[in-house]
Amino acid sequence: MSITSDASPRQVAPAAPSSGGKVGLRVTRVETLAEGVRGLTLSAADDGRLPDWTPGSHVDLTFDNGLTRQYSLCGDRWDPHTYRVAVLREPAGRGGSAYVHDELAEGDRVELAGPRNNFALAPADHYLFIAGGIGITPLLPMMEQAAMLDIPWTLLYGGRHRASMAFLDQLARWGDRVLVRPQDEYGLLDLSVIGDQPAGTKVYCCGPEPLLDAVRVAAAGLPAGHLRTERFVAGAIPPPVRSTSFEVELARSGVTVTVEPGSSVLDAVAGAGVPILASCRQGICGTCETGVIDGTPDHRDSLLDDEDRRRGDCFYPCVSRAACDLLVLDA
């Protein structure tokens, strides 16, 4: 749930989608934000209005080389004509960051899908934001939103060293609300700050997996729902609940398919002629979310929290499977 119920006064028609349901964008600015971090400013190819978004949203960008990658929006959400993202160069990545850093240039075109928000800012009396490296990006609009609503907040921001930490100039205006803690100066982030927060604080954290794990341990005493995390890579996927085939019934399409052990639900459904829109295929972006009508899912994504999993009314067919003989989907 987003706390942004107020609507923008600029009631203009959104940019028209290009082929495939995506919006054509052009790169209007490329800049170096920190060591190994490149910033992109994007505008609609026809200079029209872009879809509205809320703090915590991300978009899928498809490049000319066919790669699709997800990036958090970190610009001014009240600007209807531009999006801003920041891309960390990842030497061990799958090629998307190398393309952005080495080939993408001002004037190039990309395709947009989204925005989507799996990391929405919920109402709170106080916020503690914790960022590790490029994990600062989804938190920037959250801080702006909290400040606009006059809700107290603190940011704990870590990185390898100051030169690698993006947006330090932008954050300086917030004064002592922002705790900048480069590892080469301070060591690992002191997460005891979580226990020092006033009652009613919600903690939002984005960063590498070791940081997320440490924050979960430090926040173990918080009430349910008061810690929200977002990751940029999938967590470790456990073995499936069952190693045998199962059936998936697509209620709206009237099709039933058999999913073999070596196939994903997503691929099996597409093979039956009912493709489901997908992007990351790792269970982290939320593009392929599908409703569950009947049956027990075997959740293997990195998005749903424990309550979502217990409810069992949606899952991500790119990685998740069935824990029963027949799973009925709203597709």
C-alpha atoms as a PDB file:
ATOM      1  CA  MET A   1       0.000   0.000   0.000  1.00  0.00           C
ATOM      2  CA  SER A   2       1.348   3.437  -0.905  1.00  0.00           C
ATOM      3  CA  ILE A   3       0.899   6.451   1.334  1.00  0.00           C
ATOM      4  CA  THR A   4       0.662   8.738  -1.680  1.00  0.00           C
ATOM      5  CA  SER A   5      -3.054   9.255  -2.079  1.00  0.00           C
ATOM      6  CA  ASP A   6      -2.737  12.811  -3.357  1.00  0.00           C
ATOM      7  CA  ALA A   7      -2.906  13.097  -7.160  1.00  0.00           C
ATOM      8  CA  SER A   8      -0.637  15.152  -9.354  1.00  0.00           C
ATOM      9  CA  PRO A   9      -2.379  18.327 -10.626  1.00  0.00           C
ATOM     10  CA  ARG A  10      -1.018  17.762 -14.116  1.00  0.00           C
ATOM     11  CA  GLN A  11      -3.802  15.767 -15.731  1.00  0.00           C
ATOM     12  CA  VAL A  12      -2.243  15.015 -19.104  1.00  0.00           C
ATOM     13  CA  ALA A  13      -2.682  11.890 -21.223  1.00  0.00           C
ATOM     14  CA  PRO A  14       0.126   9.364 -20.642  1.00  0.00           C
ATOM     15  CA  ALA A  15       2.702   8.567 -23.288  1.00  0.00           C
ATOM     16  CA  ALA A  16       1.378   6.178 -25.891  1.00  0.00           C
ATOM     17  CA  PRO A  17       2.800   2.662 -25.664  1.00  0.00           C
ATOM     18  CA  SER A  18       4.926   1.387 -28.507  1.00  0.00           C
ATOM     19  CA  SER A  19       4.610  -2.121 -29.922  1.00  0.00           C
ATOM     20  CA  GLY A  20       4.383  -4.969 -27.430  1.00  0.00           C
ATOM     21  CA  GLY A  21       2.657  -2.815 -24.800  1.00  0.00           C
ATOM     22  CA  LYS A  22       5.883  -0.998 -23.953  1.00  0.00           C
ATOM     23  CA  VAL A  23       6.678   2.717 -24.023  1.00  0.00           C
ATOM     24  CA  GLY A  24       9.500   3.962 -26.223  1.00  0.00           C
ATOM     25  CA  LEU A  25      12.025   6.107 -24.336  1.00  0.00           C
ATOM     26  CA  ARG A  26      15.114   7.994 -25.342  1.00  0.00           C
ATOM     27  CA  VAL A  27      18.192   8.557 -23.216  1.00  0.00           C
ATOM     28  CA  THR A  28      18.398  12.312 -22.674  1.00  0.00           C
ATOM     29  CA  ARG A  29      21.295  12.388 -20.230  1.00  0.00           C
ATOM     30  CA  VAL A  30      24.100  10.068 -19.130  1.00  0.00           C
ATOM     31  CA  GLU A  31      26.186  11.033 -16.100  1.00  0.00           C
ATOM     32  CA  THR A  32      28.678   9.538 -13.667  1.00  0.00           C
ATOM     33  CA  LEU A  33      27.148   9.528 -10.186  1.00  0.00           C
ATOM     34  CA  ALA A  34      29.946   7.720  -8.346  1.00  0.00           C
ATOM     35  CA  GLU A  35      32.735   5.274  -8.987  1.00  0.00           C
ATOM     36  CA  GLY A  36      31.113   2.503 -11.040  1.00  0.00           C
ATOM     37  CA  VAL A  37      27.644   4.106 -11.003  1.00  0.00           C
ATOM     38  CA  ARG A  38      26.067   5.622 -14.097  1.00  0.00           C
ATOM     39  CA  GLY A  39      22.912   7.733 -14.029  1.00  0.00           C
ATOM     40  CA  LEU A  40      20.379   7.742 -16.882  1.00  0.00           C
ATOM     41  CA  THR A  41      17.688  10.334 -17.487  1.00  0.00           C
ATOM     42  CA  LEU A  42      14.952   9.013 -19.771  1.00  0.00           C
ATOM     43  CA  SER A  43      12.114  10.760 -21.608  1.00  0.00           C
ATOM     44  CA  ALA A  44       9.254   9.519 -23.764  1.00  0.00           C
ATOM     45  CA  ALA A  45      10.283   9.249 -27.391  1.00  0.00           C
ATOM     46  CA  ASP A  46       7.339  11.522 -28.313  1.00  0.00           C
ATOM     47  CA  ASP A  47       8.003  13.907 -25.383  1.00  0.00           C
ATOM     48  CA  GLY A  48       4.656  12.851 -23.878  1.00  0.00           C
ATOM     49  CA  ARG A  49       3.765  12.161 -20.295  1.00  0.00           C
ATOM     50  CA  LEU A  50       5.190   9.031 -18.681  1.00  0.00           C
ATOM     51  CA  PRO A  51       3.155   6.755 -16.401  1.00  0.00           C
ATOM     52  CA  ASP A  52       2.849   7.971 -12.809  1.00  0.00           C
ATOM     53  CA  TRP A  53       4.775   6.113 -10.127  1.00  0.00           C
ATOM     54  CA  THR A  54       5.105   5.872  -6.359  1.00  0.00           C
ATOM     55  CA  PRO A  55       8.191   5.632  -4.101  1.00  0.00           C
ATOM     56  CA  GLY A  56       9.748   2.175  -4.314  1.00  0.00           C
ATOM     57  CA  SER A  57       8.711   1.606  -7.944  1.00  0.00           C
ATOM     58  CA  HIS A  58      10.923  -0.024 -10.542  1.00  0.00           C
ATOM     59  CA  VAL A  59      10.777  -0.321 -14.325  1.00  0.00           C
ATOM     60  CA  ASP A  60      11.919  -2.856 -16.897  1.00  0.00           C
ATOM     61  CA  LEU A  61      14.210  -1.392 -19.543  1.00  0.00           C
ATOM     62  CA  THR A  62      14.840  -3.325 -22.752  1.00  0.00           C
ATOM     63  CA  PHE A  63      17.935  -2.298 -24.683  1.00  0.00           C
ATOM     64  CA  ASP A  64      18.749  -2.559 -28.378  1.00  0.00           C
ATOM     65  CA  ASN A  65      20.787  -5.706 -27.727  1.00  0.00           C
ATOM     66  CA  GLY A  66      17.643  -7.471 -26.468  1.00  0.00           C
ATOM     67  CA  LEU A  67      18.555  -7.486 -22.770  1.00  0.00           C
ATOM     68  CA  THR A  68      15.859  -6.528 -20.267  1.00  0.00           C
ATOM     69  CA  ARG A  69      16.848  -5.328 -16.808  1.00  0.00           C
ATOM     70  CA  GLN A  70      15.007  -3.890 -13.793  1.00  0.00           C
ATOM     71  CA  TYR A  71      15.957  -0.566 -12.204  1.00  0.00           C
ATOM     72  CA  SER A  72      14.489   1.425  -9.326  1.00  0.00           C
ATOM     73  CA  LEU A  73      13.188   4.887 -10.141  1.00  0.00           C
ATOM     74  CA  CYS A  74      15.143   7.451  -8.150  1.00  0.00           C
ATOM     75  CA  GLY A  75      14.192  10.816  -9.661  1.00  0.00           C
ATOM     76  CA  ASP A  76      11.436  13.352  -9.087  1.00  0.00           C
ATOM     77  CA  ARG A  77       8.117  11.497  -9.142  1.00  0.00           C
ATOM     78  CA  TRP A  78       6.299  14.801  -9.757  1.00  0.00           C
ATOM     79  CA  ASP A  79       8.121  15.318 -13.055  1.00  0.00           C
ATOM     80  CA  PRO A  80       5.692  13.798 -15.599  1.00  0.00           C
ATOM     81  CA  HIS A  81       8.144  13.764 -18.493  1.00  0.00           C
ATOM     82  CA  THR A  82      11.350  12.135 -17.219  1.00  0.00           C
ATOM     83  CA  TYR A  83      12.479   9.063 -15.315  1.00  0.00           C
ATOM     84  CA  ARG A  84      15.840   8.680 -13.623  1.00  0.00           C
ATOM     85  CA  VAL A  85      17.678   5.451 -12.799  1.00  0.00           C
ATOM     86  CA  ALA A  86      21.172   4.613 -11.586  1.00  0.00           C
ATOM     87  CA  VAL A  87      23.101   1.562 -12.774  1.00  0.00           C
ATOM     88  CA  LEU A  88      25.978  -0.069 -10.920  1.00  0.00           C
ATOM     89  CA  ARG A  89      28.638  -1.744 -13.034  1.00  0.00           C
ATOM     90  CA  GLU A  90      28.628  -5.398 -12.034  1.00  0.00           C
ATOM     91  CA  PRO A  91      31.626  -7.297 -13.442  1.00  0.00           C
ATOM     92  CA  ALA A  92      29.999 -10.616 -12.541  1.00  0.00           C
ATOM     93  CA  GLY A  93      26.599  -9.608 -13.896  1.00  0.00           C
ATOM     94  CA  ARG A  94      24.678 -10.892 -16.924  1.00  0.00           C
ATOM     95  CA  GLY A  95      25.679  -8.119 -19.329  1.00  0.00           C
ATOM     96  CA  GLY A  96      23.104  -5.411 -18.655  1.00  0.00           C
ATOM     97  CA  SER A  97      25.290  -3.132 -16.566  1.00  0.00           C
ATOM     98  CA  ALA A  98      28.238  -3.535 -18.959  1.00  0.00           C
ATOM     99  CA  TYR A  99      25.992  -2.461 -21.840  1.00  0.00           C
ATOM    100  CA  VAL A 100      24.793   0.615 -19.938  1.00  0.00           C
ATOM    101  CA  HIS A 101      28.320   1.622 -18.941  1.00  0.00           C
ATOM    102  CA  ASP A 102      30.143   0.809 -22.177  1.00  0.00           C
ATOM    103  CA  GLU A 103      27.652   1.269 -25.007  1.00  0.00           C
ATOM    104  CA  LEU A 104      24.490   3.157 -24.112  1.00  0.00           C
ATOM    105  CA  ALA A 105      24.710   6.838 -25.085  1.00  0.00           C
ATOM    106  CA  GLU A 106      22.600   9.971 -25.063  1.00  0.00           C
ATOM    107  CA  GLY A 107      20.049   9.827 -27.849  1.00  0.00           C
ATOM    108  CA  ASP A 108      19.741   6.026 -27.782  1.00  0.00           C
ATOM    109  CA  ARG A 109      16.325   4.430 -27.475  1.00  0.00           C
ATOM    110  CA  VAL A 110      15.149   1.913 -24.895  1.00  0.00           C
ATOM    111  CA  GLU A 111      11.786   0.263 -24.278  1.00  0.00           C
ATOM    112  CA  LEU A 112       9.944   0.636 -20.976  1.00  0.00           C
ATOM    113  CA  ALA A 113       7.566  -1.717 -19.171  1.00  0.00           C
ATOM    114  CA  GLY A 114       6.049  -0.692 -15.851  1.00  0.00           C
ATOM    115  CA  PRO A 115       6.338   0.979 -13.438  1.00  0.00           C
ATOM    116  CA  ARG A 116       5.564  -1.662 -10.804  1.00  0.00           C
ATOM    117  CA  ASN A 117       5.916  -1.406  -7.055  1.00  0.00           C
ATOM    118  CA  ASN A 118       6.793  -4.402  -4.875  1.00  0.00           C
ATOM    119  CA  PHE A 119       8.435  -2.162  -2.246  1.00  0.00           C
ATOM    120  CA  ALA A 120       5.738   0.392  -1.472  1.00  0.00           C
ATOM    121  CA  LEU A 121       6.077   2.882   1.376  1.00  0.00           C
ATOM    122  CA  ALA A 122       3.466   2.072   4.044  1.00  0.00           C
ATOM    123  CA  PRO A 123       2.197   4.603   6.614  1.00  0.00           C
ATOM    124  CA  ALA A 124       4.338   4.928   9.746  1.00  0.00           C
ATOM    125  CA  ASP A 125       5.080   7.292  12.615  1.00  0.00           C
ATOM    126  CA  HIS A 126       8.807   7.191  11.815  1.00  0.00           C
ATOM    127  CA  TYR A 127      11.036   5.595   9.185  1.00  0.00           C
ATOM    128  CA  LEU A 128      14.517   4.143   9.294  1.00  0.00           C
ATOM    129  CA  PHE A 129      16.001   3.693   5.825  1.00  0.00           C
ATOM    130  CA  ILE A 130      19.070   1.472   5.454  1.00  0.00           C
ATOM    131  CA  ALA A 131      20.961   1.432   2.144  1.00  0.00           C
ATOM    132  CA  GLY A 132      23.938  -0.575   0.989  1.00  0.00           C
ATOM    133  CA  GLY A 133      25.626   0.750  -2.156  1.00  0.00           C
ATOM    134  CA  ILE A 134      23.272   1.040  -5.124  1.00  0.00           C
ATOM    135  CA  GLY A 135      20.447   0.088  -2.747  1.00  0.00           C
ATOM    136  CA  ILE A 136      20.113   3.813  -2.082  1.00  0.00           C
ATOM    137  CA  THR A 137      18.106   4.254  -5.305  1.00  0.00           C
ATOM    138  CA  PRO A 138      14.590   3.120  -4.233  1.00  0.00           C
ATOM    139  CA  LEU A 139      14.983   4.887  -0.876  1.00  0.00           C
ATOM    140  CA  LEU A 140      15.577   8.385  -2.283  1.00  0.00           C
ATOM    141  CA  PRO A 141      11.936   8.970  -3.316  1.00  0.00           C
ATOM    142  CA  MET A 142      10.795   7.494   0.005  1.00  0.00           C
ATOM    143  CA  MET A 143      12.790  10.073   1.939  1.00  0.00           C
ATOM    144  CA  GLU A 144      11.354  12.849  -0.213  1.00  0.00           C
ATOM    145  CA  GLN A 145       7.844  11.541   0.394  1.00  0.00           C
ATOM    146  CA  ALA A 146       8.330  11.239   4.147  1.00  0.00           C
ATOM    147  CA  ALA A 147       9.735  14.782   4.289  1.00  0.00           C
ATOM    148  CA  MET A 148       6.809  16.113   2.256  1.00  0.00           C
ATOM    149  CA  LEU A 149       4.394  14.521   4.757  1.00  0.00           C
ATOM    150  CA  ASP A 150       6.477  15.780   7.694  1.00  0.00           C
ATOM    151  CA  ILE A 151       7.157  12.251   8.980  1.00  0.00           C
ATOM    152  CA  PRO A 152      10.491  11.898  10.851  1.00  0.00           C
ATOM    153  CA  TRP A 153      13.080   9.639   9.234  1.00  0.00           C
ATOM    154  CA  THR A 154      16.727   8.614   9.399  1.00  0.00           C
ATOM    155  CA  LEU A 155      18.969   7.135   6.705  1.00  0.00           C
ATOM    156  CA  LEU A 156      21.887   4.789   7.429  1.00  0.00           C
ATOM    157  CA  TYR A 157      23.921   4.571   4.217  1.00  0.00           C
ATOM    158  CA  GLY A 158      26.897   2.273   3.727  1.00  0.00           C
ATOM    159  CA  GLY A 159      29.285   1.551   0.878  1.00  0.00           C
ATOM    160  CA  ARG A 160      32.832   0.417   0.200  1.00  0.00           C
ATOM    161  CA  HIS A 161      34.199   3.979   0.264  1.00  0.00           C
ATOM    162  CA  ARG A 162      32.823   7.475  -0.305  1.00  0.00           C
ATOM    163  CA  ALA A 163      33.828   7.617  -3.946  1.00  0.00           C
ATOM    164  CA  SER A 164      31.629   4.591  -4.663  1.00  0.00           C
ATOM    165  CA  MET A 165      28.536   6.007  -2.932  1.00  0.00           C
ATOM    166  CA  ALA A 166      26.122   7.793  -5.260  1.00  0.00           C
ATOM    167  CA  PHE A 167      23.962  10.825  -4.409  1.00  0.00           C
ATOM    168  CA  LEU A 168      26.085  12.076  -1.483  1.00  0.00           C
ATOM    169  CA  ASP A 169      25.754  15.686  -2.706  1.00  0.00           C
ATOM    170  CA  GLN A 170      21.980  15.312  -2.945  1.00  0.00           C
ATOM    171  CA  LEU A 171      21.774  13.787   0.538  1.00  0.00           C
ATOM    172  CA  ALA A 172      23.912  16.472   2.188  1.00  0.00           C
ATOM    173  CA  ARG A 173      20.964  18.861   2.416  1.00  0.00           C
ATOM    174  CA  TRP A 174      19.279  16.564   4.947  1.00  0.00           C
ATOM    175  CA  GLY A 175      22.021  17.164   7.519  1.00  0.00           C
ATOM    176  CA  ASP A 176      22.171  14.811  10.484  1.00  0.00           C
ATOM    177  CA  ARG A 177      19.156  12.821   9.306  1.00  0.00           C
ATOM    178  CA  VAL A 178      21.654  11.038   7.042  1.00  0.00           C
ATOM    179  CA  LEU A 179      24.377   8.821   8.507  1.00  0.00           C
ATOM    180  CA  VAL A 180      26.987   8.156   5.807  1.00  0.00           C
ATOM    181  CA  ARG A 181      29.142   5.217   6.865  1.00  0.00           C
ATOM    182  CA  PRO A 182      31.730   4.057   4.275  1.00  0.00           C
ATOM    183  CA  GLN A 183      33.192   0.702   5.218  1.00  0.00           C
ATOM    184  CA  ASP A 184      36.807   1.805   4.865  1.00  0.00           C
ATOM    185  CA  GLU A 185      36.177   4.477   7.520  1.00  0.00           C
ATOM    186  CA  TYR A 186      33.638   2.856   9.862  1.00  0.00           C
ATOM    187  CA  GLY A 187      33.667  -0.867   9.166  1.00  0.00           C
ATOM    188  CA  LEU A 188      30.367  -2.726   8.749  1.00  0.00           C
ATOM    189  CA  LEU A 189      27.167  -0.803   9.389  1.00  0.00           C
ATOM    190  CA  ASP A 190      26.217  -0.570  13.060  1.00  0.00           C
ATOM    191  CA  LEU A 191      22.722  -2.045  12.961  1.00  0.00           C
ATOM    192  CA  SER A 192      22.118  -1.494  16.664  1.00  0.00           C
ATOM    193  CA  VAL A 193      20.482   1.719  15.450  1.00  0.00           C
ATOM    194  CA  ILE A 194      17.426  -0.426  14.633  1.00  0.00           C
ATOM    195  CA  GLY A 195      16.827  -1.054  18.337  1.00  0.00           C
ATOM    196  CA  ASP A 196      17.214   2.649  19.135  1.00  0.00           C
ATOM    197  CA  GLN A 197      14.250   3.756  17.024  1.00  0.00           C
ATOM    198  CA  PRO A 198      11.013   5.028  18.580  1.00  0.00           C
ATOM    199  CA  ALA A 199       7.903   2.854  18.701  1.00  0.00           C
ATOM    200  CA  GLY A 200       6.013   2.831  15.422  1.00  0.00           C
ATOM    201  CA  THR A 201       9.162   2.934  13.269  1.00  0.00           C
ATOM    202  CA  LYS A 202       9.142   1.006  10.007  1.00  0.00           C
ATOM    203  CA  VAL A 203      12.473  -0.088   8.561  1.00  0.00           C
ATOM    204  CA  TYR A 204      13.113  -0.136   4.811  1.00  0.00           C
ATOM    205  CA  CYS A 205      16.339  -1.728   3.603  1.00  0.00           C
ATOM    206  CA  CYS A 206      17.818  -2.298   0.166  1.00  0.00           C
ATOM    207  CA  GLY A 207      21.277  -3.585  -0.595  1.00  0.00           C
ATOM    208  CA  PRO A 208      23.407  -6.705  -1.031  1.00  0.00           C
ATOM    209  CA  GLU A 209      22.303 -10.021   0.458  1.00  0.00           C
ATOM    210  CA  PRO A 210      24.746 -10.003   3.446  1.00  0.00           C
ATOM    211  CA  LEU A 211      23.323  -6.639   4.542  1.00  0.00           C
ATOM    212  CA  LEU A 212      19.733  -7.865   4.173  1.00  0.00           C
ATOM    213  CA  ASP A 213      20.536 -10.959   6.238  1.00  0.00           C
ATOM    214  CA  ALA A 214      22.175  -8.867   8.971  1.00  0.00           C
ATOM    215  CA  VAL A 215      19.240  -6.446   9.066  1.00  0.00           C
ATOM    216  CA  ARG A 216      16.746  -9.299   9.404  1.00  0.00           C
ATOM    217  CA  VAL A 217      18.647 -10.583  12.441  1.00  0.00           C
ATOM    218  CA  ALA A 218      18.932  -7.122  14.001  1.00  0.00           C
ATOM    219  CA  ALA A 219      15.238  -6.411  13.375  1.00  0.00           C
ATOM    220  CA  ALA A 220      13.977  -9.741  14.737  1.00  0.00           C
ATOM    221  CA  GLY A 221      12.221  -7.988  17.617  1.00  0.00           C
ATOM    222  CA  LEU A 222      10.170  -5.655  15.430  1.00  0.00           C
ATOM    223  CA  PRO A 223       6.423  -6.232  15.044  1.00  0.00           C
ATOM    224  CA  ALA A 224       5.330  -8.147  11.960  1.00  0.00           C
ATOM    225  CA  GLY A 225       5.302  -5.969   8.869  1.00  0.00           C
ATOM    226  CA  HIS A 226       7.663  -3.330  10.273  1.00  0.00           C
ATOM    227  CA  LEU A 227      10.652  -4.493   8.211  1.00  0.00           C
ATOM    228  CA  ARG A 228      10.568  -4.301   4.425  1.00  0.00           C
ATOM    229  CA  THR A 229      13.517  -5.324   2.264  1.00  0.00           C
ATOM    230  CA  GLU A 230      14.251  -5.323  -1.436  1.00  0.00           C
ATOM    231  CA  ARG A 231      17.000  -7.166  -3.235  1.00  0.00           C
ATOM    232  CA  PHE A 232      18.476  -6.778  -6.711  1.00  0.00           C
ATOM    233  CA  VAL A 233      19.376 -10.448  -7.145  1.00  0.00           C
ATOM    234  CA  ALA A 234      17.390 -13.553  -6.284  1.00  0.00           C
ATOM    235  CA  GLY A 235      17.933 -15.227  -2.955  1.00  0.00           C
ATOM    236  CA  ALA A 236      18.954 -18.864  -2.709  1.00  0.00           C
ATOM    237  CA  ILE A 237      16.138 -21.017  -4.085  1.00  0.00           C
ATOM    238  CA  PRO A 238      15.376 -24.132  -2.027  1.00  0.00           C
ATOM    239  CA  PRO A 239      14.722 -27.496  -3.681  1.00  0.00           C
ATOM    240  CA  PRO A 240      11.121 -27.892  -4.892  1.00  0.00           C
ATOM    241  CA  VAL A 241       8.586 -29.440  -2.521  1.00  0.00           C
ATOM    242  CA  ARG A 242       7.929 -32.187  -5.058  1.00  0.00           C
ATOM    243  CA  SER A 243      10.188 -33.631  -7.727  1.00  0.00           C
ATOM    244  CA  THR A 244       7.412 -35.114  -9.870  1.00  0.00           C
ATOM    245  CA  SER A 245       5.253 -33.545 -12.550  1.00  0.00           C
ATOM    246  CA  PHE A 246       2.002 -31.729 -11.754  1.00  0.00           C
ATOM    247  CA  GLU A 247      -0.861 -30.146 -13.668  1.00  0.00           C
ATOM    248  CA  VAL A 248      -1.762 -26.492 -14.015  1.00  0.00           C
ATOM    249  CA  GLU A 249      -5.264 -25.503 -15.051  1.00  0.00           C
ATOM    250  CA  LEU A 250      -5.691 -22.037 -16.586  1.00  0.00           C
ATOM    251  CA  ALA A 251      -9.217 -21.112 -15.537  1.00  0.00           C
ATOM    252  CA  ARG A 252      -9.856 -18.230 -17.928  1.00  0.00           C
ATOM    253  CA  SER A 253      -8.181 -19.878 -20.911  1.00  0.00           C
ATOM    254  CA  GLY A 254      -9.723 -23.311 -20.401  1.00  0.00           C
ATOM    255  CA  VAL A 255      -6.358 -25.014 -20.839  1.00  0.00           C
ATOM    256  CA  THR A 256      -4.666 -27.620 -18.628  1.00  0.00           C
ATOM    257  CA  VAL A 257      -0.953 -28.320 -18.976  1.00  0.00           C
ATOM    258  CA  THR A 258       1.462 -30.777 -17.419  1.00  0.00           C
ATOM    259  CA  VAL A 259       4.578 -29.236 -15.875  1.00  0.00           C
ATOM    260  CA  GLU A 260       7.514 -31.618 -15.940  1.00  0.00           C
ATOM    261  CA  PRO A 261      10.300 -31.490 -13.332  1.00  0.00           C
ATOM    262  CA  GLY A 262      12.728 -29.795 -15.715  1.00  0.00           C
ATOM    263  CA  SER A 263      10.298 -27.128 -16.928  1.00  0.00           C
ATOM    264  CA  SER A 264       9.007 -23.931 -15.324  1.00  0.00           C
ATOM    265  CA  VAL A 265       5.299 -23.223 -15.057  1.00  0.00           C
ATOM    266  CA  LEU A 266       5.932 -20.132 -17.162  1.00  0.00           C
ATOM    267  CA  ASP A 267       7.449 -22.105 -20.034  1.00  0.00           C
ATOM    268  CA  ALA A 268       4.867 -24.892 -19.846  1.00  0.00           C
ATOM    269  CA  VAL A 269       2.000 -22.397 -20.007  1.00  0.00           C
ATOM    270  CA  ALA A 270       3.618 -20.522 -22.906  1.00  0.00           C
ATOM    271  CA  GLY A 271       4.091 -23.814 -24.731  1.00  0.00           C
ATOM    272  CA  ALA A 272       0.339 -24.358 -24.486  1.00  0.00           C
ATOM    273  CA  GLY A 273      -0.278 -21.055 -26.238  1.00  0.00           C
ATOM    274  CA  VAL A 274      -1.090 -18.929 -23.179  1.00  0.00           C
ATOM    275  CA  PRO A 275       1.987 -16.752 -22.590  1.00  0.00           C
ATOM    276  CA  ILE A 276       2.264 -14.808 -19.336  1.00  0.00           C
ATOM    277  CA  LEU A 277       4.179 -11.523 -19.401  1.00  0.00           C
ATOM    278  CA  ALA A 278       7.552 -12.040 -17.709  1.00  0.00           C
ATOM    279  CA  SER A 279      10.877 -10.276 -17.363  1.00  0.00           C
ATOM    280  CA  CYS A 280      13.550 -11.322 -14.849  1.00  0.00           C
ATOM    281  CA  ARG A 281      12.709 -15.056 -14.686  1.00  0.00           C
ATOM    282  CA  GLN A 282      14.317 -15.079 -11.223  1.00  0.00           C
ATOM    283  CA  GLY A 283      11.313 -14.307  -9.033  1.00  0.00           C
ATOM    284  CA  ILE A 284      12.449 -10.792  -8.129  1.00  0.00           C
ATOM    285  CA  CYS A 285      10.674  -8.325 -10.447  1.00  0.00           C
ATOM    286  CA  GLY A 286       6.999  -9.254 -10.031  1.00  0.00           C
ATOM    287  CA  THR A 287       6.120  -9.005 -13.733  1.00  0.00           C
ATOM    288  CA  CYS A 288       4.638 -12.489 -14.008  1.00  0.00           C
ATOM    289  CA  GLU A 289       2.509 -12.404 -10.840  1.00  0.00           C
ATOM    290  CA  THR A 290      -0.466 -14.703 -11.355  1.00  0.00           C
ATOM    291  CA  GLY A 291      -3.514 -15.308  -9.178  1.00  0.00           C
ATOM    292  CA  VAL A 292      -4.060 -18.719  -7.607  1.00  0.00           C
ATOM    293  CA  ILE A 293      -7.665 -19.940  -7.545  1.00  0.00           C
ATOM    294  CA  ASP A 294      -7.157 -23.419  -6.089  1.00  0.00           C
ATOM    295  CA  GLY A 295      -4.311 -25.641  -4.974  1.00  0.00           C
ATOM    296  CA  THR A 296      -1.169 -25.134  -2.906  1.00  0.00           C
ATOM    297  CA  PRO A 297       1.725 -23.196  -4.460  1.00  0.00           C
ATOM    298  CA  ASP A 298       5.359 -24.018  -3.789  1.00  0.00           C
ATOM    299  CA  HIS A 299       6.669 -20.459  -3.461  1.00  0.00           C
ATOM    300  CA  ARG A 300      10.263 -20.063  -4.640  1.00  0.00           C
ATOM    301  CA  ASP A 301      10.373 -16.318  -5.335  1.00  0.00           C
ATOM    302  CA  SER A 302      12.204 -13.535  -3.502  1.00  0.00           C
ATOM    303  CA  LEU A 303       9.185 -11.204  -3.276  1.00  0.00           C
ATOM    304  CA  LEU A 304       6.366 -12.557  -1.124  1.00  0.00           C
ATOM    305  CA  ASP A 305       6.508 -12.231   2.642  1.00  0.00           C
ATOM    306  CA  ASP A 306       5.401 -14.946   5.053  1.00  0.00           C
ATOM    307  CA  GLU A 307       1.831 -13.656   5.243  1.00  0.00           C
ATOM    308  CA  ASP A 308       1.527 -13.564   1.425  1.00  0.00           C
ATOM    309  CA  ARG A 309       2.769 -17.140   1.250  1.00  0.00           C
ATOM    310  CA  ARG A 310       0.330 -18.327   3.888  1.00  0.00           C
ATOM    311  CA  ARG A 311      -2.523 -16.670   2.024  1.00  0.00           C
ATOM    312  CA  GLY A 312      -1.512 -18.554  -1.133  1.00  0.00           C
ATOM    313  CA  ASP A 313      -3.580 -16.484  -3.572  1.00  0.00           C
ATOM    314  CA  CYS A 314      -0.774 -15.504  -5.944  1.00  0.00           C
ATOM    315  CA  PHE A 315       2.593 -16.763  -7.088  1.00  0.00           C
ATOM    316  CA  TYR A 316       5.338 -16.218  -9.665  1.00  0.00           C
ATOM    317  CA  PRO A 317       5.367 -18.927 -12.356  1.00  0.00           C
ATOM    318  CA  CYS A 318       8.889 -18.111 -13.526  1.00  0.00           C
ATOM    319  CA  VAL A 319      10.317 -19.912 -10.469  1.00  0.00           C
ATOM    320  CA  SER A 320       7.466 -21.163  -8.272  1.00  0.00           C
ATOM    321  CA  ARG A 321       5.822 -24.557  -8.633  1.00  0.00           C
ATOM    322  CA  ALA A 322       2.989 -26.601  -7.124  1.00  0.00           C
ATOM    323  CA  ALA A 323       2.983 -28.537  -3.869  1.00  0.00           C
ATOM    324  CA  CYS A 324      -0.103 -30.471  -5.056  1.00  0.00           C
ATOM    325  CA  ASP A 325      -1.239 -32.494  -8.059  1.00  0.00           C
ATOM    326  CA  LEU A 326      -3.333 -29.689  -9.595  1.00  0.00           C
ATOM    327  CA  LEU A 327      -2.837 -25.924  -9.351  1.00  0.00           C
ATOM    328  CA  VAL A 328      -5.602 -23.708 -10.764  1.00  0.00           C
ATOM    329  CA  LEU A 329      -4.441 -20.282 -11.951  1.00  0.00           C
ATOM    330  CA  ASP A 330      -6.335 -17.143 -12.929  1.00  0.00           C
ATOM    331  CA  ALA A 331      -4.937 -17.036 -16.447  1.00  0.00           C
END
